[in-house]
Amino acid sequence: MPTPESPLFLSKKPTVPPTFDGVDYEDTPRLKQAQDAIIREQWVRSMMARLVREELGKCYFREGVNHLEKCGVLRERYFELLKESKIRGYLFQQQNYVPKED
């Protein structure tokens, strides 16, 4: 049974999606929330890559010469996460906003 999230945690949790879709740039609090959500998502991706990298290192150490066979799944997962793990910030997305075609 999961423990309930505390009210303090829920108050800090972003309420907007990590994108600038539908954000009015004149509404400063809403713009800051969108920026924070984008940065938060980038940090989550970066930390996921870090956790997989640590598990991959443990697997390499544990398996020794058989690491190519035994750690292949972790290696492929790490390479997929590595493409998105860099924290780029929000300025490019904010300044070069292109609305999605519906």
PDB file of N, CA and C in Angstrom:
ATOM      1  N   MET A   1       0.843  -1.172   0.000  1.00  0.00           N
ATOM      2  CA  MET A   1       0.000   0.000   0.000  1.00  0.00           C
ATOM      3  C   MET A   1       0.891   1.239   0.000  1.00  0.00           C
ATOM      4  N   PRO A   2       0.785   2.097  -1.003  1.00  0.00           N
ATOM      5  CA  PRO A   2       1.644   3.282  -1.031  1.00  0.00           C
ATOM      6  C   PRO A   2       1.253   4.284   0.045  1.00  0.00           C
ATOM      7  N   THR A   3       2.244   4.981   0.517  1.00  0.00           N
ATOM      8  CA  THR A   3       1.963   6.002   1.519  1.00  0.00           C
ATOM      9  C   THR A   3       1.404   7.242   0.823  1.00  0.00           C
ATOM     10  N   PRO A   4       0.491   7.959   1.467  1.00  0.00           N
ATOM     11  CA  PRO A   4      -0.069   9.165   0.831  1.00  0.00           C
ATOM     12  C   PRO A   4       0.979  10.265   0.749  1.00  0.00           C
ATOM     13  N   GLU A   5       0.878  11.056  -0.297  1.00  0.00           N
ATOM     14  CA  GLU A   5       1.809  12.163  -0.461  1.00  0.00           C
ATOM     15  C   GLU A   5       1.434  13.286   0.495  1.00  0.00           C
ATOM     16  N   SER A   6       2.438  13.919   1.047  1.00  0.00           N
ATOM     17  CA  SER A   6       2.195  14.972   2.021  1.00  0.00           C
ATOM     18  C   SER A   6       1.652  16.228   1.331  1.00  0.00           C
ATOM     19  N   PRO A   7       0.915  17.065   2.062  1.00  0.00           N
ATOM     20  CA  PRO A   7       0.410  18.304   1.466  1.00  0.00           C
ATOM     21  C   PRO A   7       1.518  19.244   0.999  1.00  0.00           C
ATOM     22  N   LEU A   8       2.655  19.238   1.695  1.00  0.00           N
ATOM     23  CA  LEU A   8       3.775  20.077   1.280  1.00  0.00           C
ATOM     24  C   LEU A   8       4.323  19.620  -0.074  1.00  0.00           C
ATOM     25  N   PHE A   9       4.440  18.293  -0.252  1.00  0.00           N
ATOM     26  CA  PHE A   9       4.913  17.755  -1.522  1.00  0.00           C
ATOM     27  C   PHE A   9       3.934  18.077  -2.643  1.00  0.00           C
ATOM     28  N   LEU A  10       2.649  17.917  -2.371  1.00  0.00           N
ATOM     29  CA  LEU A  10       1.638  18.190  -3.388  1.00  0.00           C
ATOM     30  C   LEU A  10       1.588  19.664  -3.760  1.00  0.00           C
ATOM     31  N   SER A  11       1.895  20.553  -2.809  1.00  0.00           N
ATOM     32  CA  SER A  11       1.874  21.984  -3.117  1.00  0.00           C
ATOM     33  C   SER A  11       3.036  22.382  -4.029  1.00  0.00           C
ATOM     34  N   LYS A  12       4.144  21.647  -3.959  1.00  0.00           N
ATOM     35  CA  LYS A  12       5.304  21.957  -4.796  1.00  0.00           C
ATOM     36  C   LYS A  12       5.262  21.235  -6.149  1.00  0.00           C
ATOM     37  N   LYS A  13       4.386  20.264  -6.280  1.00  0.00           N
ATOM     38  CA  LYS A  13       4.289  19.506  -7.515  1.00  0.00           C
ATOM     39  C   LYS A  13       3.730  20.397  -8.624  1.00  0.00           C
ATOM     40  N   PRO A  14       4.323  20.366  -9.822  1.00  0.00           N
ATOM     41  CA  PRO A  14       3.837  21.251 -10.890  1.00  0.00           C
ATOM     42  C   PRO A  14       2.425  20.870 -11.327  1.00  0.00           C
ATOM     43  N   THR A  15       1.631  21.902 -11.620  1.00  0.00           N
ATOM     44  CA  THR A  15       0.252  21.669 -12.041  1.00  0.00           C
ATOM     45  C   THR A  15       0.082  21.878 -13.530  1.00  0.00           C
ATOM     46  N   VAL A  16       1.137  22.248 -14.222  1.00  0.00           N
ATOM     47  CA  VAL A  16       1.069  22.481 -15.661  1.00  0.00           C
ATOM     48  C   VAL A  16       1.933  21.440 -16.367  1.00  0.00           C
ATOM     49  N   PRO A  17       1.614  21.091 -17.606  1.00  0.00           N
ATOM     50  CA  PRO A  17       2.452  20.146 -18.337  1.00  0.00           C
ATOM     51  C   PRO A  17       3.787  20.790 -18.720  1.00  0.00           C
ATOM     52  N   PRO A  18       4.816  19.971 -18.944  1.00  0.00           N
ATOM     53  CA  PRO A  18       6.133  20.528 -19.273  1.00  0.00           C
ATOM     54  C   PRO A  18       6.230  20.991 -20.725  1.00  0.00           C
ATOM     55  N   THR A  19       5.419  21.965 -21.074  1.00  0.00           N
ATOM     56  CA  THR A  19       5.433  22.531 -22.416  1.00  0.00           C
ATOM     57  C   THR A  19       4.890  23.954 -22.354  1.00  0.00           C
ATOM     58  N   PHE A  20       5.131  24.714 -23.399  1.00  0.00           N
ATOM     59  CA  PHE A  20       4.630  26.079 -23.452  1.00  0.00           C
ATOM     60  C   PHE A  20       3.322  26.178 -24.242  1.00  0.00           C
ATOM     61  N   ASP A  21       2.710  25.042 -24.560  1.00  0.00           N
ATOM     62  CA  ASP A  21       1.435  25.048 -25.277  1.00  0.00           C
ATOM     63  C   ASP A  21       0.359  25.712 -24.423  1.00  0.00           C
ATOM     64  N   GLY A  22      -0.266  26.740 -24.954  1.00  0.00           N
ATOM     65  CA  GLY A  22      -1.368  27.402 -24.274  1.00  0.00           C
ATOM     66  C   GLY A  22      -0.964  28.330 -23.141  1.00  0.00           C
ATOM     67  N   VAL A  23       0.312  28.630 -22.994  1.00  0.00           N
ATOM     68  CA  VAL A  23       0.766  29.507 -21.917  1.00  0.00           C
ATOM     69  C   VAL A  23       0.775  30.942 -22.428  1.00  0.00           C
ATOM     70  N   ASP A  24       0.119  31.830 -21.688  1.00  0.00           N
ATOM     71  CA  ASP A  24       0.131  33.249 -22.017  1.00  0.00           C
ATOM     72  C   ASP A  24       1.417  33.841 -21.455  1.00  0.00           C
ATOM     73  N   TYR A  25       2.247  34.415 -22.313  1.00  0.00           N
ATOM     74  CA  TYR A  25       3.544  34.938 -21.872  1.00  0.00           C
ATOM     75  C   TYR A  25       3.401  36.195 -21.008  1.00  0.00           C
ATOM     76  N   GLU A  26       2.250  36.797 -20.983  1.00  0.00           N
ATOM     77  CA  GLU A  26       2.020  37.952 -20.107  1.00  0.00           C
ATOM     78  C   GLU A  26       1.684  37.514 -18.683  1.00  0.00           C
ATOM     79  N   ASP A  27       1.260  36.273 -18.505  1.00  0.00           N
ATOM     80  CA  ASP A  27       0.911  35.731 -17.191  1.00  0.00           C
ATOM     81  C   ASP A  27       2.176  35.141 -16.567  1.00  0.00           C
ATOM     82  N   THR A  28       2.887  35.953 -15.797  1.00  0.00           N
ATOM     83  CA  THR A  28       4.197  35.564 -15.273  1.00  0.00           C
ATOM     84  C   THR A  28       4.169  34.326 -14.381  1.00  0.00           C
ATOM     85  N   PRO A  29       3.238  34.206 -13.437  1.00  0.00           N
ATOM     86  CA  PRO A  29       3.258  32.985 -12.610  1.00  0.00           C
ATOM     87  C   PRO A  29       3.048  31.713 -13.429  1.00  0.00           C
ATOM     88  N   ARG A  30       2.164  31.769 -14.398  1.00  0.00           N
ATOM     89  CA  ARG A  30       1.916  30.588 -15.240  1.00  0.00           C
ATOM     90  C   ARG A  30       3.152  30.273 -16.104  1.00  0.00           C
ATOM     91  N   LEU A  31       3.824  31.304 -16.587  1.00  0.00           N
ATOM     92  CA  LEU A  31       5.037  31.109 -17.380  1.00  0.00           C
ATOM     93  C   LEU A  31       6.139  30.472 -16.532  1.00  0.00           C
ATOM     94  N   LYS A  32       6.299  30.943 -15.298  1.00  0.00           N
ATOM     95  CA  LYS A  32       7.307  30.373 -14.398  1.00  0.00           C
ATOM     96  C   LYS A  32       6.985  28.927 -14.063  1.00  0.00           C
ATOM     97  N   GLN A  33       5.697  28.597 -13.920  1.00  0.00           N
ATOM     98  CA  GLN A  33       5.312  27.211 -13.654  1.00  0.00           C
ATOM     99  C   GLN A  33       5.679  26.315 -14.832  1.00  0.00           C
ATOM    100  N   ALA A  34       5.455  26.800 -16.046  1.00  0.00           N
ATOM    101  CA  ALA A  34       5.812  26.021 -17.233  1.00  0.00           C
ATOM    102  C   ALA A  34       7.325  25.839 -17.316  1.00  0.00           C
ATOM    103  N   GLN A  35       8.087  26.883 -17.019  1.00  0.00           N
ATOM    104  CA  GLN A  35       9.548  26.778 -17.034  1.00  0.00           C
ATOM    105  C   GLN A  35      10.029  25.765 -15.989  1.00  0.00           C
ATOM    106  N   ASP A  36       9.467  25.844 -14.784  1.00  0.00           N
ATOM    107  CA  ASP A  36       9.850  24.909 -13.729  1.00  0.00           C
ATOM    108  C   ASP A  36       9.501  23.473 -14.106  1.00  0.00           C
ATOM    109  N   ALA A  37       8.357  23.271 -14.741  1.00  0.00           N
ATOM    110  CA  ALA A  37       7.957  21.921 -15.133  1.00  0.00           C
ATOM    111  C   ALA A  37       8.894  21.356 -16.191  1.00  0.00           C
ATOM    112  N   ILE A  38       9.345  22.194 -17.117  1.00  0.00           N
ATOM    113  CA  ILE A  38      10.276  21.726 -18.150  1.00  0.00           C
ATOM    114  C   ILE A  38      11.612  21.340 -17.531  1.00  0.00           C
ATOM    115  N   ILE A  39      12.123  22.175 -16.641  1.00  0.00           N
ATOM    116  CA  ILE A  39      13.389  21.876 -15.968  1.00  0.00           C
ATOM    117  C   ILE A  39      13.256  20.608 -15.124  1.00  0.00           C
ATOM    118  N   ARG A  40      12.135  20.458 -14.442  1.00  0.00           N
ATOM    119  CA  ARG A  40      11.914  19.280 -13.603  1.00  0.00           C
ATOM    120  C   ARG A  40      11.912  18.002 -14.444  1.00  0.00           C
ATOM    121  N   GLU A  41      11.243  18.031 -15.589  1.00  0.00           N
ATOM    122  CA  GLU A  41      11.219  16.858 -16.472  1.00  0.00           C
ATOM    123  C   GLU A  41      12.615  16.526 -16.984  1.00  0.00           C
ATOM    124  N   GLN A  42      13.415  17.539 -17.291  1.00  0.00           N
ATOM    125  CA  GLN A  42      14.770  17.282 -17.755  1.00  0.00           C
ATOM    126  C   GLN A  42      15.620  16.659 -16.648  1.00  0.00           C
ATOM    127  N   TRP A  43      15.433  17.119 -15.420  1.00  0.00           N
ATOM    128  CA  TRP A  43      16.171  16.539 -14.297  1.00  0.00           C
ATOM    129  C   TRP A  43      15.749  15.100 -14.042  1.00  0.00           C
ATOM    130  N   VAL A  44      14.473  14.808 -14.192  1.00  0.00           N
ATOM    131  CA  VAL A  44      14.003  13.435 -13.988  1.00  0.00           C
ATOM    132  C   VAL A  44      14.650  12.511 -15.018  1.00  0.00           C
ATOM    133  N   ARG A  45      14.695  12.936 -16.278  1.00  0.00           N
ATOM    134  CA  ARG A  45      15.337  12.123 -17.314  1.00  0.00           C
ATOM    135  C   ARG A  45      16.826  11.927 -17.024  1.00  0.00           C
ATOM    136  N   SER A  46      17.480  12.980 -16.548  1.00  0.00           N
ATOM    137  CA  SER A  46      18.897  12.891 -16.235  1.00  0.00           C
ATOM    138  C   SER A  46      19.149  11.920 -15.077  1.00  0.00           C
ATOM    139  N   MET A  47      18.317  11.974 -14.059  1.00  0.00           N
ATOM    140  CA  MET A  47      18.482  11.082 -12.912  1.00  0.00           C
ATOM    141  C   MET A  47      18.150   9.636 -13.279  1.00  0.00           C
ATOM    142  N   MET A  48      17.190   9.434 -14.187  1.00  0.00           N
ATOM    143  CA  MET A  48      16.903   8.072 -14.649  1.00  0.00           C
ATOM    144  C   MET A  48      18.118   7.494 -15.358  1.00  0.00           C
ATOM    145  N   ALA A  49      18.770   8.289 -16.190  1.00  0.00           N
ATOM    146  CA  ALA A  49      19.977   7.828 -16.879  1.00  0.00           C
ATOM    147  C   ALA A  49      21.081   7.521 -15.872  1.00  0.00           C
ATOM    148  N   ARG A  50      21.178   8.325 -14.833  1.00  0.00           N
ATOM    149  CA  ARG A  50      22.201   8.088 -13.816  1.00  0.00           C
ATOM    150  C   ARG A  50      21.957   6.763 -13.089  1.00  0.00           C
ATOM    151  N   LEU A  51      20.702   6.484 -12.746  1.00  0.00           N
ATOM    152  CA  LEU A  51      20.394   5.229 -12.056  1.00  0.00           C
ATOM    153  C   LEU A  51      20.691   4.021 -12.933  1.00  0.00           C
ATOM    154  N   VAL A  52      20.333   4.100 -14.206  1.00  0.00           N
ATOM    155  CA  VAL A  52      20.618   2.984 -15.113  1.00  0.00           C
ATOM    156  C   VAL A  52      22.123   2.822 -15.284  1.00  0.00           C
ATOM    157  N   ARG A  53      22.864   3.931 -15.339  1.00  0.00           N
ATOM    158  CA  ARG A  53      24.321   3.853 -15.466  1.00  0.00           C
ATOM    159  C   ARG A  53      24.939   3.178 -14.248  1.00  0.00           C
ATOM    160  N   GLU A  54      24.434   3.488 -13.054  1.00  0.00           N
ATOM    161  CA  GLU A  54      24.959   2.850 -11.847  1.00  0.00           C
ATOM    162  C   GLU A  54      24.682   1.351 -11.850  1.00  0.00           C
ATOM    163  N   GLU A  55      23.469   0.965 -12.276  1.00  0.00           N
ATOM    164  CA  GLU A  55      23.148  -0.459 -12.359  1.00  0.00           C
ATOM    165  C   GLU A  55      23.998  -1.152 -13.416  1.00  0.00           C
ATOM    166  N   LEU A  56      24.286  -0.468 -14.510  1.00  0.00           N
ATOM    167  CA  LEU A  56      25.135  -1.023 -15.558  1.00  0.00           C
ATOM    168  C   LEU A  56      26.550  -1.242 -15.042  1.00  0.00           C
ATOM    169  N   GLY A  57      27.063  -0.309 -14.261  1.00  0.00           N
ATOM    170  CA  GLY A  57      28.387  -0.481 -13.663  1.00  0.00           C
ATOM    171  C   GLY A  57      28.439  -1.667 -12.719  1.00  0.00           C
ATOM    172  N   LYS A  58      27.385  -1.832 -11.923  1.00  0.00           N
ATOM    173  CA  LYS A  58      27.328  -2.989 -11.015  1.00  0.00           C
ATOM    174  C   LYS A  58      27.273  -4.288 -11.812  1.00  0.00           C
ATOM    175  N   CYS A  59      26.513  -4.272 -12.897  1.00  0.00           N
ATOM    176  CA  CYS A  59      26.396  -5.466 -13.733  1.00  0.00           C
ATOM    177  C   CYS A  59      27.739  -5.809 -14.370  1.00  0.00           C
ATOM    178  N   TYR A  60      28.452  -4.803 -14.885  1.00  0.00           N
ATOM    179  CA  TYR A  60      29.770  -5.042 -15.470  1.00  0.00           C
ATOM    180  C   TYR A  60      30.715  -5.659 -14.441  1.00  0.00           C
ATOM    181  N   PHE A  61      30.694  -5.114 -13.238  1.00  0.00           N
ATOM    182  CA  PHE A  61      31.582  -5.613 -12.192  1.00  0.00           C
ATOM    183  C   PHE A  61      31.195  -7.031 -11.782  1.00  0.00           C
ATOM    184  N   ARG A  62      29.895  -7.283 -11.650  1.00  0.00           N
ATOM    185  CA  ARG A  62      29.403  -8.584 -11.195  1.00  0.00           C
ATOM    186  C   ARG A  62      29.628  -9.672 -12.246  1.00  0.00           C
ATOM    187  N   GLU A  63      29.402  -9.370 -13.522  1.00  0.00           N
ATOM    188  CA  GLU A  63      29.450 -10.388 -14.570  1.00  0.00           C
ATOM    189  C   GLU A  63      30.847 -10.618 -15.139  1.00  0.00           C
ATOM    190  N   GLY A  64      31.719  -9.635 -15.020  1.00  0.00           N
ATOM    191  CA  GLY A  64      33.097  -9.816 -15.487  1.00  0.00           C
ATOM    192  C   GLY A  64      33.186  -9.959 -16.991  1.00  0.00           C
ATOM    193  N   VAL A  65      33.779 -11.063 -17.465  1.00  0.00           N
ATOM    194  CA  VAL A  65      34.009 -11.227 -18.896  1.00  0.00           C
ATOM    195  C   VAL A  65      32.724 -11.499 -19.673  1.00  0.00           C
ATOM    196  N   ASN A  66      31.652 -11.864 -19.004  1.00  0.00           N
ATOM    197  CA  ASN A  66      30.387 -12.152 -19.674  1.00  0.00           C
ATOM    198  C   ASN A  66      29.473 -10.930 -19.738  1.00  0.00           C
ATOM    199  N   HIS A  67      30.008  -9.749 -19.472  1.00  0.00           N
ATOM    200  CA  HIS A  67      29.149  -8.568 -19.392  1.00  0.00           C
ATOM    201  C   HIS A  67      28.477  -8.239 -20.715  1.00  0.00           C
ATOM    202  N   LEU A  68      29.077  -8.602 -21.850  1.00  0.00           N
ATOM    203  CA  LEU A  68      28.454  -8.303 -23.137  1.00  0.00           C
ATOM    204  C   LEU A  68      27.137  -9.066 -23.311  1.00  0.00           C
ATOM    205  N   GLU A  69      27.074 -10.281 -22.805  1.00  0.00           N
ATOM    206  CA  GLU A  69      25.857 -11.078 -22.908  1.00  0.00           C
ATOM    207  C   GLU A  69      24.858 -10.740 -21.814  1.00  0.00           C
ATOM    208  N   LYS A  70      25.333 -10.568 -20.603  1.00  0.00           N
ATOM    209  CA  LYS A  70      24.443 -10.433 -19.447  1.00  0.00           C
ATOM    210  C   LYS A  70      23.905  -9.022 -19.243  1.00  0.00           C
ATOM    211  N   CYS A  71      24.649  -8.009 -19.665  1.00  0.00           N
ATOM    212  CA  CYS A  71      24.255  -6.621 -19.383  1.00  0.00           C
ATOM    213  C   CYS A  71      23.735  -5.894 -20.620  1.00  0.00           C
ATOM    214  N   GLY A  72      23.397  -6.630 -21.658  1.00  0.00           N
ATOM    215  CA  GLY A  72      22.963  -6.006 -22.910  1.00  0.00           C
ATOM    216  C   GLY A  72      21.697  -5.193 -22.775  1.00  0.00           C
ATOM    217  N   VAL A  73      20.750  -5.652 -21.967  1.00  0.00           N
ATOM    218  CA  VAL A  73      19.485  -4.935 -21.798  1.00  0.00           C
ATOM    219  C   VAL A  73      19.720  -3.586 -21.124  1.00  0.00           C
ATOM    220  N   LEU A  74      20.543  -3.595 -20.086  1.00  0.00           N
ATOM    221  CA  LEU A  74      20.855  -2.340 -19.398  1.00  0.00           C
ATOM    222  C   LEU A  74      21.636  -1.391 -20.308  1.00  0.00           C
ATOM    223  N   ARG A  75      22.535  -1.942 -21.103  1.00  0.00           N
ATOM    224  CA  ARG A  75      23.328  -1.115 -22.005  1.00  0.00           C
ATOM    225  C   ARG A  75      22.435  -0.430 -23.037  1.00  0.00           C
ATOM    226  N   GLU A  76      21.503  -1.178 -23.621  1.00  0.00           N
ATOM    227  CA  GLU A  76      20.592  -0.587 -24.605  1.00  0.00           C
ATOM    228  C   GLU A  76      19.680   0.455 -23.964  1.00  0.00           C
ATOM    229  N   ARG A  77      19.210   0.172 -22.771  1.00  0.00           N
ATOM    230  CA  ARG A  77      18.353   1.136 -22.052  1.00  0.00           C
ATOM    231  C   ARG A  77      19.135   2.415 -21.758  1.00  0.00           C
ATOM    232  N   TYR A  78      20.395   2.264 -21.347  1.00  0.00           N
ATOM    233  CA  TYR A  78      21.219   3.437 -21.046  1.00  0.00           C
ATOM    234  C   TYR A  78      21.461   4.271 -22.299  1.00  0.00           C
ATOM    235  N   PHE A  79      21.722   3.638 -23.433  1.00  0.00           N
ATOM    236  CA  PHE A  79      21.933   4.388 -24.670  1.00  0.00           C
ATOM    237  C   PHE A  79      20.678   5.132 -25.093  1.00  0.00           C
ATOM    238  N   GLU A  80      19.503   4.559 -24.863  1.00  0.00           N
ATOM    239  CA  GLU A  80      18.255   5.255 -25.183  1.00  0.00           C
ATOM    240  C   GLU A  80      18.052   6.460 -24.262  1.00  0.00           C
ATOM    241  N   LEU A  81      18.349   6.290 -22.982  1.00  0.00           N
ATOM    242  CA  LEU A  81      18.186   7.394 -22.032  1.00  0.00           C
ATOM    243  C   LEU A  81      19.249   8.465 -22.225  1.00  0.00           C
ATOM    244  N   LEU A  82      20.404   8.081 -22.723  1.00  0.00           N
ATOM    245  CA  LEU A  82      21.497   9.033 -22.886  1.00  0.00           C
ATOM    246  C   LEU A  82      21.174  10.103 -23.924  1.00  0.00           C
ATOM    247  N   LYS A  83      20.335   9.779 -24.895  1.00  0.00           N
ATOM    248  CA  LYS A  83      19.965  10.740 -25.931  1.00  0.00           C
ATOM    249  C   LYS A  83      19.210  11.936 -25.356  1.00  0.00           C
ATOM    250  N   GLU A  84      18.435  11.704 -24.299  1.00  0.00           N
ATOM    251  CA  GLU A  84      17.583  12.751 -23.739  1.00  0.00           C
ATOM    252  C   GLU A  84      18.038  13.240 -22.376  1.00  0.00           C
ATOM    253  N   SER A  85      19.174  12.760 -21.880  1.00  0.00           N
ATOM    254  CA  SER A  85      19.518  13.025 -20.482  1.00  0.00           C
ATOM    255  C   SER A  85      20.171  14.380 -20.244  1.00  0.00           C
ATOM    256  N   LYS A  86      20.568  15.093 -21.282  1.00  0.00           N
ATOM    257  CA  LYS A  86      21.230  16.372 -21.071  1.00  0.00           C
ATOM    258  C   LYS A  86      20.212  17.440 -20.671  1.00  0.00           C
ATOM    259  N   ILE A  87      20.559  18.226 -19.681  1.00  0.00           N
ATOM    260  CA  ILE A  87      19.682  19.297 -19.220  1.00  0.00           C
ATOM    261  C   ILE A  87      19.960  20.525 -20.076  1.00  0.00           C
ATOM    262  N   ARG A  88      18.985  20.897 -20.888  1.00  0.00           N
ATOM    263  CA  ARG A  88      19.173  21.973 -21.847  1.00  0.00           C
ATOM    264  C   ARG A  88      18.529  23.282 -21.405  1.00  0.00           C
ATOM    265  N   GLY A  89      17.672  23.249 -20.445  1.00  0.00           N
ATOM    266  CA  GLY A  89      16.982  24.460 -20.027  1.00  0.00           C
ATOM    267  C   GLY A  89      15.718  24.684 -20.828  1.00  0.00           C
ATOM    268  N   TYR A  90      15.111  25.838 -20.653  1.00  0.00           N
ATOM    269  CA  TYR A  90      13.821  26.108 -21.274  1.00  0.00           C
ATOM    270  C   TYR A  90      13.869  27.244 -22.284  1.00  0.00           C
ATOM    271  N   LEU A  91      14.973  27.971 -22.392  1.00  0.00           N
ATOM    272  CA  LEU A  91      14.991  29.168 -23.228  1.00  0.00           C
ATOM    273  C   LEU A  91      14.780  28.875 -24.710  1.00  0.00           C
ATOM    274  N   PHE A  92      15.364  27.795 -25.221  1.00  0.00           N
ATOM    275  CA  PHE A  92      15.183  27.491 -26.638  1.00  0.00           C
ATOM    276  C   PHE A  92      13.711  27.206 -26.940  1.00  0.00           C
ATOM    277  N   GLN A  93      13.080  26.399 -26.093  1.00  0.00           N
ATOM    278  CA  GLN A  93      11.661  26.081 -26.296  1.00  0.00           C
ATOM    279  C   GLN A  93      10.793  27.323 -26.158  1.00  0.00           C
ATOM    280  N   GLN A  94      11.168  28.222 -25.268  1.00  0.00           N
ATOM    281  CA  GLN A  94      10.365  29.415 -25.028  1.00  0.00           C
ATOM    282  C   GLN A  94      10.521  30.422 -26.165  1.00  0.00           C
ATOM    283  N   GLN A  95      11.723  30.613 -26.652  1.00  0.00           N
ATOM    284  CA  GLN A  95      11.963  31.632 -27.672  1.00  0.00           C
ATOM    285  C   GLN A  95      11.641  31.149 -29.074  1.00  0.00           C
ATOM    286  N   ASN A  96      11.677  29.852 -29.314  1.00  0.00           N
ATOM    287  CA  ASN A  96      11.429  29.303 -30.637  1.00  0.00           C
ATOM    288  C   ASN A  96      10.157  28.461 -30.626  1.00  0.00           C
ATOM    289  N   TYR A  97       9.115  29.003 -30.054  1.00  0.00           N
ATOM    290  CA  TYR A  97       7.873  28.263 -29.910  1.00  0.00           C
ATOM    291  C   TYR A  97       7.174  28.113 -31.247  1.00  0.00           C
ATOM    292  N   VAL A  98       6.849  26.883 -31.586  1.00  0.00           N
ATOM    293  CA  VAL A  98       6.099  26.588 -32.802  1.00  0.00           C
ATOM    294  C   VAL A  98       4.852  25.830 -32.370  1.00  0.00           C
ATOM    295  N   PRO A  99       3.663  26.380 -32.609  1.00  0.00           N
ATOM    296  CA  PRO A  99       2.447  25.662 -32.188  1.00  0.00           C
ATOM    297  C   PRO A  99       2.271  24.360 -32.965  1.00  0.00           C
ATOM    298  N   LYS A 100       1.706  23.356 -32.294  1.00  0.00           N
ATOM    299  CA  LYS A 100       1.494  22.063 -32.922  1.00  0.00           C
ATOM    300  C   LYS A 100       0.293  22.141 -33.869  1.00  0.00           C
ATOM    301  N   GLU A 101       0.412  21.435 -34.977  1.00  0.00           N
ATOM    302  CA  GLU A 101      -0.684  21.373 -35.940  1.00  0.00           C
ATOM    303  C   GLU A 101      -1.709  20.369 -35.442  1.00  0.00           C
ATOM    304  N   ASP A 102      -2.970  20.719 -35.431  1.00  0.00           N
ATOM    305  CA  ASP A 102      -4.027  19.787 -34.988  1.00  0.00           C
ATOM    306  C   ASP A 102      -4.680  19.105 -36.146  1.00  0.00           C
TER     307      ASP A 102
END
